[in-house]
Every structure is written in structure tokens, then in C-alpha cells.
Amino acid sequence: MREFILLMDQARTDHDFSIKNLSANGRMDIACRFINSTLFNSYKMRDDVKTRLLLRGPPRKSLSLELDGRNLQGLHPGERSIAGYLKKNLKSFEDRKTAANVGVRIEKENLEDVLDRSNGKPVVLHEEGRDISDVELPEHCVFVIGDHKGVSEEDMEKLREYNTVITSLGCESYQAQQVSSFLNIYMDRNG
């Protein structure tokens, strides 16, 4: 199982965002594109991927939203479709303390909680890391990727406590969905 964690420092932790203007609502557009690139290939949903969003914007302190490709139901590709899916599940969590769809898990968690619950070794993508082609990746990777602002120094300190592999795709910064697409292709080809 391949895992992805997207750190989103401004993303809303409730359903109060507009599907018509996702970038104005804590950059939920990034979350939707990231989900699309981690969980879908050209013809089906990946059943070997688990994607987590760590939402840390208003109104709550921190919320993790997990999508497990093995048993996820009702999710379709496309930014607006994914946004509606997220909105529905966040609303259900607010009302009933549970997600609306099978394969979705929502918890009040911080980064440490999410890492403790994951089943692999954290691998953070950071411009200052060693080139990915020079790093031997663990068999079970938990890829940690930052939003448009990157991975904060505070998060890097926490990640180092987990003996995290720090790697890079080069000196350029890439969008989260580009990084996750590359990593899926790279891992599919290499192992």
C-alpha cells in the first residue's frame, strides 16, 4: 500500500466552502487535484493507494481526511466532483461524527497522529533533499507533500523525529498533484 499525506495549512476543516471558487477557500483546489492524481489512473481508481489530507485551516485546529482506494465508493475524477465529495463527507462528519462514504475516514488528528497510524516509513519531498534517483526508498512509503506553501520548518522538525527520508525531485518547486503523479509513475515503474 502506497500512502500520500498532503499538508494543507489553510484548508477548511468544515464543509463551508464554495465548489465554484475552490482556490479562495483555503486552496481546496489543491486538495482536489491531489486526490485526483493520487487515486486515479487513466482507466480506474488505484486500489494500492491511501490518500490523507491534513486540513489545518479554520474553524477547527486539525482534521485528517483519509481516502482508501481499496474500498472507496462514490468518488469520481474531476475537480468539482471531488470537491462535492469532500464537502458531503465533511458535512456528515460535522453532523454525525462519521464520513458519508465507504472508504473515507475523518478524524481530529495532527501530523504526529497521522504518522503514528500510517503503516510505512515517512518520505518527505523537499527541494533541499537528496535527489530521488540517489535514494533507496522503503518498501512501504508514506509520502509527505506540502501544499502551495511547502512543508513548514515546524513540520520538518516533527518529521525528522520519525527518521524520515528526505528526498527531492530537483531544485525546482512543483505543484502537489505534479509531485504525486510523478511518484505514482516512479513507484509503478521501480517497484
N, C-alpha and C. Protein backbone atom coordinates (compact mmCIF):
# COMPACT_ATOMS: atom_id res chain seq x y z
N MET A 1 0.86 -1.19 0.00
CA MET A 1 0.00 0.00 0.00
C MET A 1 0.89 1.23 0.00
N ARG A 2 0.64 2.11 -0.92
CA ARG A 2 1.34 3.39 -1.02
C ARG A 2 0.46 4.44 -0.34
N GLU A 3 1.08 5.31 0.46
CA GLU A 3 0.32 6.33 1.16
C GLU A 3 0.85 7.72 0.80
N PHE A 4 -0.08 8.65 0.71
CA PHE A 4 0.25 10.05 0.47
C PHE A 4 -0.39 10.90 1.56
N ILE A 5 0.35 11.87 2.05
CA ILE A 5 -0.20 12.84 3.01
C ILE A 5 0.06 14.23 2.42
N LEU A 6 -1.00 15.02 2.30
CA LEU A 6 -0.87 16.40 1.85
C LEU A 6 -1.11 17.32 3.04
N LEU A 7 -0.11 18.12 3.37
CA LEU A 7 -0.20 19.08 4.47
C LEU A 7 -0.82 20.37 3.94
N MET A 8 -1.98 20.73 4.47
CA MET A 8 -2.72 21.89 3.98
C MET A 8 -3.00 22.85 5.14
N ASP A 9 -2.16 23.85 5.26
CA ASP A 9 -2.23 24.75 6.42
C ASP A 9 -3.41 25.72 6.40
N GLN A 10 -4.03 25.94 5.25
CA GLN A 10 -5.14 26.89 5.18
C GLN A 10 -6.47 26.26 4.79
N ALA A 11 -6.47 24.97 4.50
CA ALA A 11 -7.69 24.31 4.01
C ALA A 11 -8.75 24.23 5.11
N ARG A 12 -9.96 24.47 4.74
CA ARG A 12 -11.07 24.47 5.70
C ARG A 12 -11.26 23.09 6.30
N THR A 13 -11.64 23.08 7.56
CA THR A 13 -11.90 21.84 8.27
C THR A 13 -13.40 21.61 8.45
N ASP A 14 -14.19 22.32 7.66
CA ASP A 14 -15.63 22.11 7.65
C ASP A 14 -16.10 22.11 6.20
N HIS A 15 -17.40 22.00 6.01
CA HIS A 15 -17.95 21.93 4.65
C HIS A 15 -18.27 23.32 4.07
N ASP A 16 -17.93 24.37 4.76
CA ASP A 16 -18.31 25.73 4.38
C ASP A 16 -17.34 26.32 3.35
N PHE A 17 -17.34 25.73 2.16
CA PHE A 17 -16.54 26.28 1.06
C PHE A 17 -17.33 26.15 -0.23
N SER A 18 -17.04 27.06 -1.15
CA SER A 18 -17.75 27.10 -2.42
C SER A 18 -17.06 26.21 -3.44
N ILE A 19 -17.81 25.34 -4.06
CA ILE A 19 -17.28 24.49 -5.12
C ILE A 19 -16.93 25.33 -6.35
N LYS A 20 -17.58 26.48 -6.49
CA LYS A 20 -17.33 27.35 -7.64
C LYS A 20 -16.05 28.17 -7.51
N ASN A 21 -15.51 28.29 -6.29
CA ASN A 21 -14.30 29.09 -6.09
C ASN A 21 -13.40 28.40 -5.06
N LEU A 22 -12.87 27.25 -5.43
CA LEU A 22 -12.10 26.42 -4.50
C LEU A 22 -10.80 27.06 -4.05
N SER A 23 -10.19 27.87 -4.92
CA SER A 23 -8.90 28.47 -4.56
C SER A 23 -9.06 29.54 -3.48
N ALA A 24 -10.25 30.09 -3.33
CA ALA A 24 -10.48 31.13 -2.33
C ALA A 24 -10.87 30.55 -0.97
N ASN A 25 -10.91 29.26 -0.88
CA ASN A 25 -11.37 28.60 0.35
C ASN A 25 -10.28 27.70 0.91
N GLY A 26 -9.14 28.29 1.23
CA GLY A 26 -8.05 27.51 1.81
C GLY A 26 -7.36 26.61 0.81
N ARG A 27 -7.51 26.96 -0.46
CA ARG A 27 -6.87 26.21 -1.54
C ARG A 27 -7.37 24.76 -1.63
N MET A 28 -8.68 24.60 -1.50
CA MET A 28 -9.27 23.28 -1.66
C MET A 28 -9.10 22.76 -3.08
N ASP A 29 -8.80 23.64 -4.03
CA ASP A 29 -8.49 23.20 -5.39
C ASP A 29 -7.26 22.30 -5.41
N ILE A 30 -6.26 22.63 -4.58
CA ILE A 30 -5.06 21.81 -4.49
C ILE A 30 -5.42 20.43 -3.96
N ALA A 31 -6.26 20.38 -2.94
CA ALA A 31 -6.69 19.10 -2.37
C ALA A 31 -7.37 18.23 -3.42
N CYS A 32 -8.25 18.83 -4.20
CA CYS A 32 -8.99 18.07 -5.22
C CYS A 32 -8.07 17.54 -6.31
N ARG A 33 -7.15 18.36 -6.77
CA ARG A 33 -6.20 17.91 -7.80
C ARG A 33 -5.28 16.82 -7.26
N PHE A 34 -4.89 16.97 -5.99
CA PHE A 34 -4.03 15.98 -5.36
C PHE A 34 -4.74 14.63 -5.26
N ILE A 35 -5.98 14.63 -4.83
CA ILE A 35 -6.76 13.40 -4.75
C ILE A 35 -6.88 12.76 -6.12
N ASN A 36 -7.17 13.57 -7.13
CA ASN A 36 -7.30 13.06 -8.48
C ASN A 36 -6.01 12.39 -8.95
N SER A 37 -4.88 13.01 -8.65
CA SER A 37 -3.60 12.47 -9.15
C SER A 37 -3.10 11.29 -8.32
N THR A 38 -3.48 11.19 -7.06
CA THR A 38 -3.02 10.06 -6.26
C THR A 38 -3.90 8.82 -6.43
N LEU A 39 -5.20 9.01 -6.58
CA LEU A 39 -6.12 7.87 -6.55
C LEU A 39 -6.59 7.38 -7.91
N PHE A 40 -6.37 8.13 -8.97
CA PHE A 40 -6.87 7.70 -10.27
C PHE A 40 -5.73 7.54 -11.27
N ASN A 41 -5.82 6.50 -12.09
CA ASN A 41 -5.00 6.47 -13.29
C ASN A 41 -5.97 6.63 -14.46
N SER A 42 -5.55 6.35 -15.65
CA SER A 42 -6.39 6.72 -16.80
C SER A 42 -7.69 5.95 -16.91
N TYR A 43 -7.78 4.80 -16.28
CA TYR A 43 -8.98 4.00 -16.50
C TYR A 43 -9.66 3.48 -15.24
N LYS A 44 -9.06 3.68 -14.08
CA LYS A 44 -9.72 3.18 -12.87
C LYS A 44 -9.11 3.83 -11.63
N MET A 45 -9.75 3.56 -10.49
CA MET A 45 -9.21 4.02 -9.23
C MET A 45 -8.11 3.06 -8.79
N ARG A 46 -7.06 3.62 -8.21
CA ARG A 46 -5.96 2.80 -7.70
C ARG A 46 -6.40 2.14 -6.39
N ASP A 47 -6.22 0.83 -6.31
CA ASP A 47 -6.56 0.13 -5.08
C ASP A 47 -5.32 -0.12 -4.21
N ASP A 48 -4.19 0.47 -4.61
CA ASP A 48 -2.95 0.32 -3.85
C ASP A 48 -2.51 1.63 -3.21
N VAL A 49 -3.44 2.60 -3.12
CA VAL A 49 -3.11 3.93 -2.61
C VAL A 49 -4.10 4.36 -1.54
N LYS A 50 -3.53 4.97 -0.51
CA LYS A 50 -4.32 5.63 0.54
C LYS A 50 -3.87 7.09 0.55
N THR A 51 -4.81 8.01 0.47
CA THR A 51 -4.50 9.43 0.44
C THR A 51 -5.09 10.10 1.67
N ARG A 52 -4.25 10.91 2.33
CA ARG A 52 -4.72 11.66 3.51
C ARG A 52 -4.49 13.14 3.28
N LEU A 53 -5.50 13.90 3.60
CA LEU A 53 -5.37 15.36 3.64
C LEU A 53 -5.29 15.75 5.11
N LEU A 54 -4.30 16.52 5.46
CA LEU A 54 -4.24 17.07 6.82
C LEU A 54 -4.67 18.52 6.71
N LEU A 55 -5.94 18.76 7.03
CA LEU A 55 -6.57 20.07 6.91
C LEU A 55 -6.33 20.84 8.21
N ARG A 56 -5.72 22.03 8.10
CA ARG A 56 -5.37 22.76 9.32
C ARG A 56 -5.83 24.22 9.29
N GLY A 57 -6.84 24.49 8.49
CA GLY A 57 -7.38 25.84 8.45
C GLY A 57 -8.57 25.98 9.38
N PRO A 58 -9.32 27.05 9.24
CA PRO A 58 -10.47 27.26 10.12
C PRO A 58 -11.60 26.29 9.79
N PRO A 59 -12.52 26.04 10.68
CA PRO A 59 -12.62 26.58 12.03
C PRO A 59 -11.95 25.70 13.10
N ARG A 60 -11.64 24.43 12.78
CA ARG A 60 -11.01 23.54 13.76
C ARG A 60 -9.50 23.68 13.70
N LYS A 61 -8.84 23.07 14.66
CA LYS A 61 -7.38 23.12 14.69
C LYS A 61 -6.76 22.21 13.64
N SER A 62 -7.15 20.94 13.59
CA SER A 62 -6.55 20.00 12.67
C SER A 62 -7.48 18.82 12.46
N LEU A 63 -7.62 18.42 11.20
CA LEU A 63 -8.51 17.34 10.83
C LEU A 63 -7.84 16.53 9.73
N SER A 64 -7.85 15.21 9.86
CA SER A 64 -7.34 14.38 8.77
C SER A 64 -8.52 13.74 8.04
N LEU A 65 -8.40 13.72 6.73
CA LEU A 65 -9.42 13.12 5.88
C LEU A 65 -8.70 12.08 5.04
N GLU A 66 -9.06 10.83 5.24
CA GLU A 66 -8.37 9.71 4.58
C GLU A 66 -9.28 9.08 3.54
N LEU A 67 -8.72 8.80 2.37
CA LEU A 67 -9.43 8.14 1.28
C LEU A 67 -8.65 6.87 0.95
N ASP A 68 -9.27 5.71 1.15
CA ASP A 68 -8.60 4.42 0.95
C ASP A 68 -9.07 3.82 -0.37
N GLY A 69 -8.17 3.77 -1.34
CA GLY A 69 -8.51 3.29 -2.67
C GLY A 69 -8.98 1.85 -2.72
N ARG A 70 -8.71 1.06 -1.69
CA ARG A 70 -9.13 -0.35 -1.69
C ARG A 70 -10.64 -0.51 -1.61
N ASN A 71 -11.30 0.40 -0.91
CA ASN A 71 -12.75 0.22 -0.74
C ASN A 71 -13.53 1.52 -0.87
N LEU A 72 -12.93 2.50 -1.50
CA LEU A 72 -13.56 3.81 -1.68
C LEU A 72 -14.74 3.69 -2.65
N GLN A 73 -15.86 4.30 -2.28
CA GLN A 73 -17.04 4.24 -3.13
C GLN A 73 -17.57 5.65 -3.39
N GLY A 74 -18.05 5.85 -4.61
CA GLY A 74 -18.74 7.09 -4.96
C GLY A 74 -17.86 8.24 -5.39
N LEU A 75 -16.56 8.03 -5.47
CA LEU A 75 -15.65 9.10 -5.89
C LEU A 75 -15.37 8.99 -7.38
N HIS A 76 -15.47 10.13 -8.06
CA HIS A 76 -15.22 10.19 -9.50
C HIS A 76 -14.17 11.27 -9.77
N PRO A 77 -13.38 11.08 -10.84
CA PRO A 77 -12.35 12.08 -11.14
C PRO A 77 -12.95 13.42 -11.55
N GLY A 78 -12.17 14.46 -11.41
CA GLY A 78 -12.62 15.81 -11.76
C GLY A 78 -12.67 16.68 -10.52
N GLU A 79 -12.16 17.88 -10.66
CA GLU A 79 -12.02 18.78 -9.52
C GLU A 79 -13.34 19.08 -8.81
N ARG A 80 -14.36 19.43 -9.57
CA ARG A 80 -15.65 19.77 -8.94
C ARG A 80 -16.34 18.55 -8.33
N SER A 81 -16.23 17.43 -8.99
CA SER A 81 -16.81 16.20 -8.46
C SER A 81 -16.15 15.83 -7.14
N ILE A 82 -14.83 15.92 -7.08
CA ILE A 82 -14.10 15.62 -5.85
C ILE A 82 -14.44 16.63 -4.77
N ALA A 83 -14.56 17.90 -5.14
CA ALA A 83 -14.91 18.94 -4.17
C ALA A 83 -16.28 18.65 -3.54
N GLY A 84 -17.24 18.26 -4.35
CA GLY A 84 -18.56 17.90 -3.83
C GLY A 84 -18.49 16.71 -2.89
N TYR A 85 -17.66 15.76 -3.23
CA TYR A 85 -17.47 14.57 -2.41
C TYR A 85 -16.87 14.93 -1.06
N LEU A 86 -15.85 15.79 -1.07
CA LEU A 86 -15.24 16.25 0.18
C LEU A 86 -16.23 17.02 1.03
N LYS A 87 -16.97 17.91 0.38
CA LYS A 87 -17.96 18.74 1.08
C LYS A 87 -19.01 17.86 1.76
N LYS A 88 -19.50 16.85 1.04
CA LYS A 88 -20.51 15.94 1.59
C LYS A 88 -19.96 15.18 2.80
N ASN A 89 -18.74 14.70 2.70
CA ASN A 89 -18.16 13.93 3.81
C ASN A 89 -17.82 14.80 5.00
N LEU A 90 -17.35 16.02 4.76
CA LEU A 90 -17.10 16.94 5.88
C LEU A 90 -18.40 17.33 6.57
N LYS A 91 -19.46 17.55 5.81
CA LYS A 91 -20.77 17.86 6.39
C LYS A 91 -21.26 16.70 7.25
N SER A 92 -21.11 15.49 6.75
CA SER A 92 -21.52 14.31 7.51
C SER A 92 -20.73 14.19 8.81
N PHE A 93 -19.45 14.49 8.75
CA PHE A 93 -18.62 14.44 9.96
C PHE A 93 -19.08 15.47 10.98
N GLU A 94 -19.45 16.66 10.51
CA GLU A 94 -19.94 17.71 11.41
C GLU A 94 -21.26 17.28 12.08
N ASP A 95 -22.13 16.66 11.30
CA ASP A 95 -23.46 16.30 11.79
C ASP A 95 -23.47 15.01 12.60
N ARG A 96 -22.74 13.98 12.12
CA ARG A 96 -22.85 12.65 12.71
C ARG A 96 -21.52 12.08 13.23
N LYS A 97 -20.44 12.85 13.12
CA LYS A 97 -19.10 12.41 13.55
C LYS A 97 -18.61 11.20 12.78
N THR A 98 -19.10 11.04 11.56
CA THR A 98 -18.64 9.97 10.68
C THR A 98 -18.73 10.45 9.24
N ALA A 99 -17.91 9.85 8.38
CA ALA A 99 -17.95 10.20 6.96
C ALA A 99 -19.19 9.63 6.30
N ALA A 100 -19.55 10.18 5.16
CA ALA A 100 -20.76 9.75 4.45
C ALA A 100 -20.51 8.55 3.55
N ASN A 101 -19.27 8.34 3.12
CA ASN A 101 -18.98 7.30 2.14
C ASN A 101 -18.06 6.22 2.69
N VAL A 102 -18.23 5.01 2.17
CA VAL A 102 -17.34 3.90 2.48
C VAL A 102 -15.96 4.23 1.94
N GLY A 103 -14.94 3.94 2.73
CA GLY A 103 -13.56 4.19 2.30
C GLY A 103 -13.04 5.56 2.71
N VAL A 104 -13.88 6.34 3.37
CA VAL A 104 -13.48 7.67 3.84
C VAL A 104 -13.45 7.64 5.36
N ARG A 105 -12.38 8.17 5.92
CA ARG A 105 -12.25 8.27 7.38
C ARG A 105 -11.84 9.69 7.72
N ILE A 106 -12.54 10.28 8.68
CA ILE A 106 -12.23 11.64 9.12
C ILE A 106 -12.01 11.60 10.63
N GLU A 107 -10.90 12.20 11.05
CA GLU A 107 -10.56 12.21 12.48
C GLU A 107 -9.98 13.57 12.86
N LYS A 108 -10.14 13.93 14.12
CA LYS A 108 -9.45 15.10 14.66
C LYS A 108 -8.05 14.65 15.01
N GLU A 109 -7.11 14.92 14.10
CA GLU A 109 -5.74 14.45 14.24
C GLU A 109 -4.75 15.51 13.80
N ASN A 110 -3.54 15.42 14.35
CA ASN A 110 -2.45 16.28 13.89
C ASN A 110 -1.45 15.41 13.12
N LEU A 111 -0.34 16.00 12.70
CA LEU A 111 0.63 15.28 11.89
C LEU A 111 1.17 14.05 12.62
N GLU A 112 1.50 14.19 13.90
CA GLU A 112 2.03 13.06 14.66
C GLU A 112 1.03 11.90 14.71
N ASP A 113 -0.25 12.21 14.93
CA ASP A 113 -1.28 11.18 14.95
C ASP A 113 -1.34 10.43 13.63
N VAL A 114 -1.31 11.18 12.54
CA VAL A 114 -1.40 10.57 11.21
C VAL A 114 -0.18 9.69 10.95
N LEU A 115 1.01 10.17 11.31
CA LEU A 115 2.22 9.37 11.10
C LEU A 115 2.22 8.12 11.98
N ASP A 116 1.74 8.25 13.21
CA ASP A 116 1.68 7.10 14.11
C ASP A 116 0.74 6.02 13.57
N ARG A 117 -0.29 6.44 12.88
CA ARG A 117 -1.29 5.50 12.36
C ARG A 117 -0.92 4.92 10.99
N SER A 118 0.03 5.53 10.33
CA SER A 118 0.41 5.04 9.00
C SER A 118 1.21 3.75 9.12
N ASN A 119 1.27 3.02 8.02
CA ASN A 119 1.90 1.70 8.02
C ASN A 119 3.24 1.67 7.29
N GLY A 120 3.88 2.80 7.15
CA GLY A 120 5.14 2.81 6.43
C GLY A 120 6.08 3.87 6.94
N LYS A 121 7.17 4.02 6.23
CA LYS A 121 8.19 4.98 6.60
C LYS A 121 7.92 6.30 5.88
N PRO A 122 7.94 7.41 6.63
CA PRO A 122 7.70 8.71 6.00
C PRO A 122 8.83 9.09 5.03
N VAL A 123 8.41 9.60 3.89
CA VAL A 123 9.33 10.13 2.88
C VAL A 123 8.82 11.52 2.53
N VAL A 124 9.57 12.54 2.91
CA VAL A 124 9.13 13.91 2.63
C VAL A 124 9.81 14.41 1.37
N LEU A 125 9.03 15.09 0.54
CA LEU A 125 9.56 15.70 -0.67
C LEU A 125 9.86 17.15 -0.37
N HIS A 126 11.13 17.51 -0.50
CA HIS A 126 11.58 18.85 -0.15
C HIS A 126 12.73 19.22 -1.08
N GLU A 127 12.75 20.45 -1.55
CA GLU A 127 13.76 20.88 -2.50
C GLU A 127 15.19 20.67 -2.00
N GLU A 128 15.38 20.65 -0.69
CA GLU A 128 16.72 20.51 -0.13
C GLU A 128 17.11 19.05 0.11
N GLY A 129 16.24 18.10 -0.21
CA GLY A 129 16.55 16.69 -0.01
C GLY A 129 17.46 16.14 -1.09
N ARG A 130 17.90 14.89 -0.88
CA ARG A 130 18.71 14.21 -1.90
C ARG A 130 17.83 13.83 -3.07
N ASP A 131 18.42 13.85 -4.26
CA ASP A 131 17.68 13.50 -5.47
C ASP A 131 17.07 12.11 -5.32
N ILE A 132 15.83 11.96 -5.72
CA ILE A 132 15.11 10.71 -5.54
C ILE A 132 15.80 9.54 -6.23
N SER A 133 16.51 9.80 -7.32
CA SER A 133 17.21 8.72 -8.02
C SER A 133 18.41 8.21 -7.23
N ASP A 134 18.86 8.97 -6.24
CA ASP A 134 20.00 8.57 -5.40
C ASP A 134 19.57 8.00 -4.05
N VAL A 135 18.28 7.84 -3.84
CA VAL A 135 17.75 7.39 -2.55
C VAL A 135 17.09 6.03 -2.73
N GLU A 136 17.40 5.11 -1.83
CA GLU A 136 16.70 3.84 -1.82
C GLU A 136 15.43 4.01 -0.98
N LEU A 137 14.30 3.98 -1.66
CA LEU A 137 13.03 4.20 -0.98
C LEU A 137 12.60 2.93 -0.25
N PRO A 138 11.97 3.10 0.91
CA PRO A 138 11.48 1.93 1.64
C PRO A 138 10.39 1.21 0.85
N GLU A 139 10.17 -0.06 1.20
CA GLU A 139 9.16 -0.85 0.50
C GLU A 139 7.77 -0.22 0.64
N HIS A 140 7.48 0.25 1.84
CA HIS A 140 6.18 0.89 2.06
C HIS A 140 6.42 2.36 2.39
N CYS A 141 6.13 3.23 1.45
CA CYS A 141 6.38 4.67 1.60
C CYS A 141 5.12 5.40 2.04
N VAL A 142 5.33 6.37 2.90
CA VAL A 142 4.28 7.32 3.25
C VAL A 142 4.82 8.68 2.78
N PHE A 143 4.42 9.07 1.58
CA PHE A 143 4.93 10.31 1.00
C PHE A 143 4.24 11.51 1.64
N VAL A 144 5.02 12.44 2.14
CA VAL A 144 4.51 13.66 2.76
C VAL A 144 4.85 14.83 1.86
N ILE A 145 3.82 15.56 1.45
CA ILE A 145 3.97 16.64 0.47
C ILE A 145 3.29 17.88 1.01
N GLY A 146 3.90 19.03 0.80
CA GLY A 146 3.32 20.28 1.24
C GLY A 146 2.38 20.87 0.20
N ASP A 147 1.54 21.78 0.65
CA ASP A 147 0.64 22.50 -0.26
C ASP A 147 1.43 23.58 -1.00
N HIS A 148 0.78 24.61 -1.48
CA HIS A 148 1.44 25.65 -2.27
C HIS A 148 2.49 26.43 -1.48
N LYS A 149 2.46 26.32 -0.16
CA LYS A 149 3.46 26.99 0.67
C LYS A 149 4.59 26.05 1.08
N GLY A 150 4.48 24.78 0.73
CA GLY A 150 5.52 23.81 1.04
C GLY A 150 5.37 23.23 2.43
N VAL A 151 6.39 22.49 2.85
CA VAL A 151 6.42 21.88 4.18
C VAL A 151 7.11 22.87 5.12
N SER A 152 6.42 23.23 6.20
CA SER A 152 6.97 24.22 7.12
C SER A 152 8.16 23.65 7.89
N GLU A 153 8.97 24.52 8.44
CA GLU A 153 10.11 24.09 9.25
C GLU A 153 9.63 23.34 10.50
N GLU A 154 8.52 23.78 11.07
CA GLU A 154 7.94 23.08 12.23
C GLU A 154 7.58 21.63 11.87
N ASP A 155 6.96 21.46 10.69
CA ASP A 155 6.61 20.10 10.25
C ASP A 155 7.87 19.29 9.95
N MET A 156 8.89 19.93 9.36
CA MET A 156 10.15 19.22 9.09
C MET A 156 10.77 18.71 10.39
N GLU A 157 10.72 19.51 11.44
CA GLU A 157 11.26 19.08 12.73
C GLU A 157 10.52 17.85 13.24
N LYS A 158 9.20 17.86 13.13
CA LYS A 158 8.41 16.70 13.56
C LYS A 158 8.72 15.48 12.71
N LEU A 159 8.86 15.69 11.42
CA LEU A 159 9.15 14.58 10.51
C LEU A 159 10.51 13.96 10.80
N ARG A 160 11.48 14.77 11.14
CA ARG A 160 12.82 14.24 11.47
C ARG A 160 12.77 13.30 12.67
N GLU A 161 11.84 13.54 13.59
CA GLU A 161 11.69 12.67 14.76
C GLU A 161 11.25 11.26 14.37
N TYR A 162 10.70 11.11 13.18
CA TYR A 162 10.24 9.82 12.67
C TYR A 162 11.27 9.16 11.74
N ASN A 163 12.50 9.65 11.79
CA ASN A 163 13.56 9.11 10.94
C ASN A 163 13.15 9.15 9.47
N THR A 164 12.58 10.25 9.07
CA THR A 164 12.03 10.43 7.74
C THR A 164 13.12 10.50 6.68
N VAL A 165 12.86 9.87 5.54
CA VAL A 165 13.71 10.02 4.37
C VAL A 165 13.37 11.36 3.74
N ILE A 166 14.37 12.19 3.50
CA ILE A 166 14.14 13.50 2.87
C ILE A 166 14.72 13.44 1.47
N THR A 167 13.85 13.56 0.49
CA THR A 167 14.26 13.44 -0.90
C THR A 167 13.69 14.57 -1.72
N SER A 168 14.12 14.65 -2.95
CA SER A 168 13.76 15.79 -3.80
C SER A 168 13.58 15.34 -5.24
N LEU A 169 12.78 16.09 -5.96
CA LEU A 169 12.65 15.90 -7.41
C LEU A 169 13.54 16.89 -8.16
N GLY A 170 14.37 17.60 -7.44
CA GLY A 170 15.27 18.59 -8.03
C GLY A 170 15.12 19.91 -7.31
N CYS A 171 15.79 20.92 -7.83
CA CYS A 171 15.80 22.21 -7.15
C CYS A 171 14.57 23.06 -7.45
N GLU A 172 13.74 22.64 -8.37
CA GLU A 172 12.51 23.36 -8.70
C GLU A 172 11.39 22.95 -7.74
N SER A 173 10.47 23.87 -7.50
CA SER A 173 9.26 23.55 -6.75
C SER A 173 8.18 23.12 -7.74
N TYR A 174 7.45 22.08 -7.38
CA TYR A 174 6.37 21.59 -8.23
C TYR A 174 5.07 21.60 -7.45
N GLN A 175 3.97 21.58 -8.17
CA GLN A 175 2.66 21.53 -7.54
C GLN A 175 2.44 20.14 -6.94
N ALA A 176 1.64 20.08 -5.89
CA ALA A 176 1.42 18.83 -5.17
C ALA A 176 0.93 17.72 -6.10
N GLN A 177 0.01 18.03 -7.00
CA GLN A 177 -0.50 16.99 -7.89
C GLN A 177 0.55 16.54 -8.89
N GLN A 178 1.47 17.42 -9.27
CA GLN A 178 2.55 17.02 -10.16
C GLN A 178 3.50 16.06 -9.44
N VAL A 179 3.82 16.39 -8.20
CA VAL A 179 4.70 15.54 -7.40
C VAL A 179 4.08 14.16 -7.21
N SER A 180 2.80 14.12 -6.83
CA SER A 180 2.16 12.83 -6.58
C SER A 180 2.01 12.02 -7.86
N SER A 181 1.75 12.65 -8.98
CA SER A 181 1.69 11.93 -10.26
C SER A 181 3.05 11.31 -10.58
N PHE A 182 4.10 12.12 -10.43
CA PHE A 182 5.44 11.62 -10.68
C PHE A 182 5.74 10.43 -9.77
N LEU A 183 5.42 10.56 -8.47
CA LEU A 183 5.73 9.49 -7.52
C LEU A 183 4.97 8.21 -7.84
N ASN A 184 3.71 8.32 -8.25
CA ASN A 184 2.97 7.12 -8.64
C ASN A 184 3.63 6.44 -9.83
N ILE A 185 3.99 7.22 -10.83
CA ILE A 185 4.65 6.65 -12.01
C ILE A 185 6.00 6.04 -11.63
N TYR A 186 6.78 6.77 -10.85
CA TYR A 186 8.10 6.31 -10.42
C TYR A 186 7.99 5.00 -9.65
N MET A 187 7.07 4.93 -8.71
CA MET A 187 6.91 3.71 -7.92
C MET A 187 6.33 2.57 -8.74
N ASP A 188 5.43 2.87 -9.66
CA ASP A 188 4.89 1.82 -10.55
C ASP A 188 6.01 1.20 -11.38
N ARG A 189 6.91 2.02 -11.86
CA ARG A 189 7.99 1.53 -12.73
C ARG A 189 9.11 0.86 -11.95
N ASN A 190 9.35 1.31 -10.73
CA ASN A 190 10.51 0.83 -9.97
C ASN A 190 10.16 -0.11 -8.83
N GLY A 191 8.90 -0.39 -8.69
CA GLY A 191 8.71 -1.32 -7.70
C GLY A 191 7.75 -1.57 -6.74
